[in-house]
Amino acid sequence: MPFPTDRPRRLRSSEAIRSLVRETRLHPSNFILPLFICPGEGIRRPIGSMPPQCQLSIDTAVEECREIHALGIGGIILFGLPETKDEQASGAYDDNGIVQRAIRAIKKEVPGLLIVTDVCNCEYTSHGHCGLVVDGDVDNDATLEWLGKSAVSHAKAGADIVAPSDMMDGRVGYIREALDDEGFIKIPILSYAAKFASVFYGPFREAAESAPQFGDRRTYQMDPANGREAMREMEQDLAEGADMLMIKPAMPYLDLISQARHRFDVPIAAYQVSGEYSMIMAAAQNGWIDLERAMTESLTSIKRAGADIIVTYFAKPAAKLL
C-alpha cells in the first residue's frame, strides 16, 4: 500500500515550523500573580512549602509590583494577613486594613498595574472559616454583609476588580448591589464561581495563615466529583452580575474549564493553585522533572483548555521565559 500522503511530522521538523503552527500561545498579559501582604516593613518572609514565594510587607510589595509591571504581567491578586483576627473578620472590611493600605500604596507607586482583590474572610477570622459561624457551620446570609462591605472597601481603596472566593450562595448579587449603591458601577466582579473543596490548597493555607481551626470547608466549597453543579454555579453567578468566571483549582478541572469556555461567552479564569505549583517545584528540586518545561506545559494545558486568564505563582518566571 502507498504510504499516506498526510505526514503530521512535516510540521514538527524544526522549532521555526513548530512555532509557526503553534495553536496555543501564552503571554505574560494572561497571568495574574498572587501576593500575600503582611504587617511590618522591609519584610520578605519565605513560604516554606512554596519556594521562592514570600509573604511581603507593603513597602516590599510595592517594589515587587514595579518588577511585575515591567514584565508585562496582567495583574496581581492580593491576600491579606491582618495584624489581629476576630470572629467578625473585621480586618477584611476595615478601610485601613492591610489589603486596603496595600492597594493605595501600590496604586500610588505603580498606577498602571491592575489590582484584583480576593474578597473572603478566612484570613481574617480567628477560626479560619469563610464567614460567621453559627452552631458549628458558616451562616450563609449573615456572611453576605461582610463580603459586601469588603468589596466596597476594596473599591474605595482603588481596586480594579473584586474577586469573591467564599462560595456563599447569592454573594455575587449582594456584592453587585453593594458596589452599585456606593457608585462603583464600573468595578467588575471576577467570581470564583466553581471553587472546589480541594486537597491542593494546603500550601496556600501556610502562605495566608488561613487554615480552619475546626472541621473543613466542604459545606460551602464544591464537591470535586460534581461537574454539572459547577455549570449551575456559573450560570447563577452570571445571572447575579458576575463579569468573569473562575474555576479553582485548574489542572484537576481542565474538563470544566473547557466546558465553561464553550458554554459561557465571558472571560474564563483558572487558578493554578498552591498545591499544583508546589508539586512541580518539589519534583524539579529533586531533579525528577525539568522546571521550565513543566511550568510551560502546565500553563499551556490550562490555556488550551480555554482559560483566558491564569492566576499562577509561576507568573514571573513564565513571563521572563516568554
Protein backbone atom coordinates (compact mmCIF):
# COMPACT_ATOMS: atom_id res chain seq x y z
CA MET A 1 0.00 0.00 0.00
CA PRO A 2 1.25 3.53 -0.68
CA PHE A 3 2.23 5.47 2.43
CA PRO A 4 -0.40 8.03 3.49
CA THR A 5 0.20 11.46 1.97
CA ASP A 6 -0.65 13.10 5.29
CA ARG A 7 2.54 13.19 7.38
CA PRO A 8 1.94 15.29 10.52
CA ARG A 9 5.66 15.14 11.35
CA ARG A 10 6.33 17.55 8.48
CA LEU A 11 5.03 20.33 10.72
CA ARG A 12 7.23 19.26 13.66
CA SER A 13 10.58 19.12 11.89
CA SER A 14 12.09 22.34 13.28
CA GLU A 15 11.47 24.87 16.02
CA ALA A 16 10.72 27.52 13.41
CA ILE A 17 7.94 25.38 11.89
CA ARG A 18 6.62 24.30 15.28
CA SER A 19 6.42 27.94 16.34
CA LEU A 20 4.70 28.94 13.13
CA VAL A 21 1.84 26.45 13.50
CA ARG A 22 1.52 26.51 17.31
CA GLU A 23 -2.16 26.61 18.25
CA THR A 24 -1.94 27.80 21.85
CA ARG A 25 0.25 30.70 22.90
CA LEU A 26 0.99 32.05 26.35
CA HIS A 27 1.62 35.72 27.02
CA PRO A 28 2.51 37.48 30.30
CA SER A 29 -0.68 39.54 30.00
CA ASN A 30 -2.63 36.29 30.55
CA PHE A 31 -1.20 35.92 34.08
CA ILE A 32 -2.25 37.22 37.48
CA LEU A 33 0.26 36.80 40.32
CA PRO A 34 -0.99 36.25 43.89
CA LEU A 35 0.72 38.33 46.59
CA PHE A 36 0.46 37.78 50.35
CA ILE A 37 0.63 41.07 52.27
CA CYS A 38 1.76 41.04 55.90
CA PRO A 39 2.28 43.72 58.57
CA GLY A 40 5.64 45.38 59.13
CA GLU A 41 8.32 46.98 57.00
CA GLY A 42 11.08 45.55 54.86
CA ILE A 43 9.68 42.03 55.20
CA ARG A 44 10.16 39.27 52.64
CA ARG A 45 9.30 36.13 54.65
CA PRO A 46 9.80 32.85 52.72
CA ILE A 47 6.83 30.49 52.46
CA GLY A 48 8.40 27.10 53.14
CA SER A 49 6.03 25.00 51.07
CA MET A 50 6.06 27.37 48.07
CA PRO A 51 9.66 28.32 47.25
CA PRO A 52 10.61 31.04 46.40
CA GLN A 53 7.26 32.73 47.19
CA CYS A 54 7.21 35.08 50.20
CA GLN A 55 4.91 37.00 52.46
CA LEU A 56 5.59 40.68 51.76
CA SER A 57 5.17 43.85 53.77
CA ILE A 58 3.51 46.70 51.91
CA ASP A 59 6.76 48.51 51.08
CA THR A 60 8.35 45.31 49.79
CA ALA A 61 5.21 44.51 47.79
CA VAL A 62 5.44 47.90 46.08
CA GLU A 63 8.99 47.05 44.97
CA GLU A 64 7.78 43.67 43.74
CA CYS A 65 4.97 45.31 41.81
CA ARG A 66 7.38 47.52 39.90
CA GLU A 67 9.07 44.39 38.54
CA ILE A 68 5.74 42.66 37.89
CA HIS A 69 4.52 45.63 35.86
CA ALA A 70 7.81 45.88 33.94
CA LEU A 71 7.47 42.21 32.94
CA GLY A 72 4.08 42.88 31.35
CA ILE A 73 2.21 40.57 33.72
CA GLY A 74 -1.54 41.10 33.56
CA GLY A 75 -2.01 41.97 37.21
CA ILE A 76 -1.86 40.88 40.83
CA ILE A 77 -4.38 39.49 43.28
CA LEU A 78 -3.95 40.49 46.91
CA PHE A 79 -4.40 38.34 50.01
CA GLY A 80 -4.06 39.97 53.41
CA LEU A 81 -2.57 38.79 56.69
CA PRO A 82 -4.03 41.17 59.27
CA GLU A 83 -2.37 42.31 62.48
CA THR A 84 -5.18 40.70 64.50
CA LYS A 85 -8.07 38.33 63.83
CA ASP A 86 -11.51 38.07 65.39
CA GLU A 87 -14.78 36.20 64.98
CA GLN A 88 -16.28 39.05 62.93
CA ALA A 89 -13.50 39.18 60.28
CA SER A 90 -13.36 42.93 60.95
CA GLY A 91 -9.97 43.30 59.28
CA ALA A 92 -11.48 42.27 55.96
CA TYR A 93 -13.71 45.34 55.62
CA ASP A 94 -11.67 47.84 57.64
CA ASP A 95 -10.93 50.82 55.35
CA ASN A 96 -7.48 50.93 56.96
CA GLY A 97 -6.95 47.17 56.72
CA ILE A 98 -3.82 45.51 55.38
CA VAL A 99 -5.15 44.97 51.84
CA GLN A 100 -6.72 48.43 51.64
CA ARG A 101 -3.43 50.08 52.63
CA ALA A 102 -1.56 47.89 50.12
CA ILE A 103 -3.92 48.88 47.30
CA ARG A 104 -3.39 52.58 47.98
CA ALA A 105 0.40 52.22 48.20
CA ILE A 106 0.68 50.17 45.01
CA LYS A 107 -1.66 52.44 43.06
CA LYS A 108 0.40 55.46 44.13
CA GLU A 109 3.74 53.98 43.04
CA VAL A 110 2.70 51.64 40.18
CA PRO A 111 -0.52 53.21 38.88
CA GLY A 112 -0.64 51.17 35.69
CA LEU A 113 -0.69 47.78 37.42
CA LEU A 114 -4.06 46.01 37.55
CA ILE A 115 -5.09 45.08 41.10
CA VAL A 116 -7.58 42.29 41.82
CA THR A 117 -8.60 41.68 45.42
CA ASP A 118 -9.66 38.40 46.96
CA VAL A 119 -12.97 39.01 48.77
CA CYS A 120 -13.20 36.44 51.54
CA ASN A 121 -12.94 36.16 55.31
CA CYS A 122 -10.81 33.11 56.10
CA GLU A 123 -7.59 35.13 56.56
CA TYR A 124 -9.37 37.47 58.99
CA THR A 125 -11.43 35.18 61.22
CA SER A 126 -9.95 33.75 64.39
CA HIS A 127 -11.40 30.34 63.49
CA GLY A 128 -10.22 30.33 59.84
CA HIS A 129 -13.63 29.79 58.26
CA CYS A 130 -15.03 31.99 55.49
CA GLY A 131 -17.92 33.53 57.38
CA LEU A 132 -19.93 33.89 60.55
CA VAL A 133 -20.00 30.56 62.39
CA VAL A 134 -23.33 29.64 63.98
CA ASP A 135 -23.79 26.24 65.64
CA GLY A 136 -20.59 24.92 64.08
CA ASP A 137 -21.34 25.92 60.48
CA VAL A 138 -20.99 29.07 58.39
CA ASP A 139 -24.17 31.16 58.25
CA ASN A 140 -24.58 31.94 54.56
CA ASP A 141 -26.82 35.02 54.63
CA ALA A 142 -25.16 36.73 57.59
CA THR A 143 -21.79 36.39 55.85
CA LEU A 144 -23.01 38.27 52.77
CA GLU A 145 -22.94 41.56 54.66
CA TRP A 146 -19.23 41.13 55.42
CA LEU A 147 -18.50 40.35 51.78
CA GLY A 148 -20.40 43.38 50.51
CA LYS A 149 -18.58 45.68 52.93
CA SER A 150 -15.21 44.18 51.96
CA ALA A 151 -15.81 44.64 48.23
CA VAL A 152 -16.87 48.27 48.71
CA SER A 153 -13.86 48.91 50.94
CA HIS A 154 -11.51 47.49 48.30
CA ALA A 155 -13.13 49.58 45.59
CA LYS A 156 -12.79 52.74 47.69
CA ALA A 157 -9.08 51.97 48.13
CA GLY A 158 -8.61 51.72 44.36
CA ALA A 159 -9.01 48.04 43.42
CA ASP A 160 -9.69 47.45 39.73
CA ILE A 161 -11.52 44.11 40.11
CA VAL A 162 -13.04 42.33 43.11
CA ALA A 163 -12.99 38.53 43.25
CA PRO A 164 -15.27 36.82 45.81
CA SER A 165 -13.90 33.40 46.74
CA ASP A 166 -16.08 32.42 49.70
CA MET A 167 -18.66 30.27 47.85
CA MET A 168 -21.63 31.65 49.77
CA ASP A 169 -24.91 31.37 47.87
CA GLY A 170 -26.03 34.72 46.46
CA ARG A 171 -22.83 36.58 47.20
CA VAL A 172 -22.27 37.89 43.67
CA GLY A 173 -25.69 39.56 43.60
CA TYR A 174 -25.19 41.01 47.07
CA ILE A 175 -21.75 42.39 46.17
CA ARG A 176 -23.01 43.82 42.86
CA GLU A 177 -25.79 45.67 44.62
CA ALA A 178 -23.43 46.93 47.35
CA LEU A 179 -20.94 48.23 44.77
CA ASP A 180 -23.63 49.86 42.66
CA ASP A 181 -25.25 51.53 45.69
CA GLU A 182 -21.88 53.14 46.50
CA GLY A 183 -21.35 54.35 42.95
CA PHE A 184 -18.87 51.66 41.88
CA ILE A 185 -20.84 50.54 38.85
CA LYS A 186 -17.67 50.19 36.76
CA ILE A 187 -15.90 47.73 39.08
CA PRO A 188 -16.05 44.22 37.55
CA ILE A 189 -16.63 41.06 39.59
CA LEU A 190 -14.40 38.07 38.88
CA SER A 191 -16.30 35.32 40.62
CA TYR A 192 -14.63 32.20 41.96
CA ALA A 193 -17.70 30.54 40.51
CA ALA A 194 -16.58 26.90 40.80
CA LYS A 195 -14.26 26.61 43.77
CA PHE A 196 -13.80 23.04 44.89
CA ALA A 197 -13.03 21.65 48.34
CA SER A 198 -9.60 20.58 47.15
CA VAL A 199 -6.62 18.95 48.81
CA PHE A 200 -4.41 21.15 46.60
CA TYR A 201 -4.91 24.24 48.79
CA GLY A 202 -2.57 23.03 51.54
CA PRO A 203 0.45 25.28 50.87
CA PHE A 204 -1.80 28.33 50.45
CA ARG A 205 -3.05 27.92 53.99
CA GLU A 206 0.53 28.26 55.21
CA ALA A 207 1.03 31.32 52.99
CA ALA A 208 -2.21 33.04 54.04
CA GLU A 209 -2.25 31.64 57.59
CA SER A 210 -5.87 30.68 56.99
CA ALA A 211 -6.29 27.01 57.94
CA PRO A 212 -9.65 26.34 59.64
CA GLN A 213 -9.30 25.70 63.35
CA PHE A 214 -12.02 23.04 63.29
CA GLY A 215 -13.80 20.98 60.65
CA ASP A 216 -13.36 21.74 56.97
CA ARG A 217 -14.96 23.81 54.21
CA ARG A 218 -16.92 21.12 52.44
CA THR A 219 -20.32 22.56 53.41
CA TYR A 220 -19.65 25.60 51.21
CA GLN A 221 -16.87 24.72 48.75
CA MET A 222 -17.83 22.31 45.97
CA ASP A 223 -17.58 18.52 45.90
CA PRO A 224 -14.76 17.63 43.46
CA ALA A 225 -16.99 15.00 41.84
CA ASN A 226 -19.65 17.45 40.64
CA GLY A 227 -19.20 18.90 37.15
CA ARG A 228 -22.84 19.64 36.35
CA GLU A 229 -23.20 21.52 39.61
CA ALA A 230 -20.20 23.66 38.62
CA MET A 231 -22.02 24.73 35.46
CA ARG A 232 -25.08 25.63 37.53
CA GLU A 233 -22.95 27.71 39.92
CA MET A 234 -21.52 29.62 36.96
CA GLU A 235 -24.94 30.24 35.45
CA GLN A 236 -26.20 31.59 38.77
CA ASP A 237 -23.22 33.89 39.21
CA LEU A 238 -23.65 35.32 35.72
CA ALA A 239 -27.34 35.90 36.41
CA GLU A 240 -26.38 37.77 39.60
CA GLY A 241 -23.96 40.08 37.78
CA ALA A 242 -20.56 38.39 37.54
CA ASP A 243 -18.44 39.74 34.69
CA MET A 244 -15.87 36.91 34.65
CA LEU A 245 -15.85 33.35 35.95
CA MET A 246 -13.07 31.40 37.65
CA ILE A 247 -12.50 27.67 38.14
CA LYS A 248 -10.28 26.66 41.05
CA PRO A 249 -8.07 24.54 41.04
CA ALA A 250 -7.01 24.44 37.39
CA MET A 251 -5.29 21.23 36.25
CA PRO A 252 -7.57 18.74 38.06
CA TYR A 253 -10.53 20.55 36.47
CA LEU A 254 -9.39 21.15 32.89
CA ASP A 255 -12.57 19.46 31.68
CA LEU A 256 -14.67 22.09 33.44
CA ILE A 257 -12.55 24.94 32.10
CA SER A 258 -13.22 23.58 28.62
CA GLN A 259 -16.94 23.19 29.25
CA ALA A 260 -17.16 26.71 30.64
CA ARG A 261 -15.29 28.13 27.65
CA HIS A 262 -17.77 26.55 25.22
CA ARG A 263 -20.83 27.36 27.30
CA PHE A 264 -20.30 30.93 28.53
CA ASP A 265 -19.37 33.92 26.39
CA VAL A 266 -17.45 35.77 29.13
CA PRO A 267 -13.77 35.74 30.12
CA ILE A 268 -12.83 32.48 31.87
CA ALA A 269 -10.13 32.43 34.53
CA ALA A 270 -8.43 29.45 36.16
CA TYR A 271 -6.39 29.40 39.35
CA GLN A 272 -3.27 27.20 39.23
CA VAL A 273 -3.31 26.75 42.99
CA SER A 274 -0.55 26.36 45.55
CA GLY A 275 -0.56 22.56 45.54
CA GLU A 276 -0.17 22.43 41.76
CA TYR A 277 2.73 24.88 41.98
CA SER A 278 4.41 23.14 44.93
CA MET A 279 4.26 19.69 43.34
CA ILE A 280 6.07 20.96 40.26
CA MET A 281 8.62 22.85 42.35
CA ALA A 282 9.30 19.86 44.61
CA ALA A 283 9.73 17.47 41.69
CA ALA A 284 12.07 19.92 39.96
CA GLN A 285 14.14 20.45 43.09
CA ASN A 286 14.57 16.69 43.35
CA GLY A 287 15.74 16.53 39.73
CA TRP A 288 12.77 14.46 38.64
CA ILE A 289 11.44 16.91 36.03
CA ASP A 290 12.67 19.96 34.14
CA LEU A 291 11.19 23.04 35.85
CA GLU A 292 10.88 25.31 32.82
CA ARG A 293 9.27 22.63 30.66
CA ALA A 294 6.89 21.51 33.41
CA MET A 295 5.90 25.11 34.15
CA THR A 296 5.30 25.91 30.49
CA GLU A 297 3.45 22.66 29.77
CA SER A 298 1.14 23.07 32.75
CA LEU A 299 0.29 26.67 31.87
CA THR A 300 -0.22 25.78 28.22
CA SER A 301 -2.64 23.00 29.16
CA ILE A 302 -4.73 25.48 31.16
CA LYS A 303 -4.74 27.99 28.30
CA ARG A 304 -5.51 25.25 25.75
CA ALA A 305 -8.48 24.10 27.83
CA GLY A 306 -9.98 27.56 27.41
CA ALA A 307 -8.76 29.86 30.18
CA ASP A 308 -8.29 33.47 29.11
CA ILE A 309 -6.74 34.38 32.48
CA ILE A 310 -4.45 32.22 34.62
CA VAL A 311 -3.83 33.02 38.26
CA THR A 312 -0.43 31.45 38.88
CA TYR A 313 2.59 31.64 41.16
CA PHE A 314 4.67 30.98 38.04
CA ALA A 315 3.76 34.39 36.58
CA LYS A 316 7.21 35.94 37.00
CA PRO A 317 9.42 33.09 35.78
CA ALA A 318 6.98 32.33 32.95
CA ALA A 319 6.94 35.98 31.88
CA LYS A 320 10.74 36.07 31.89
CA LEU A 321 10.90 32.88 29.83
CA LEU A 322 8.33 34.07 27.32
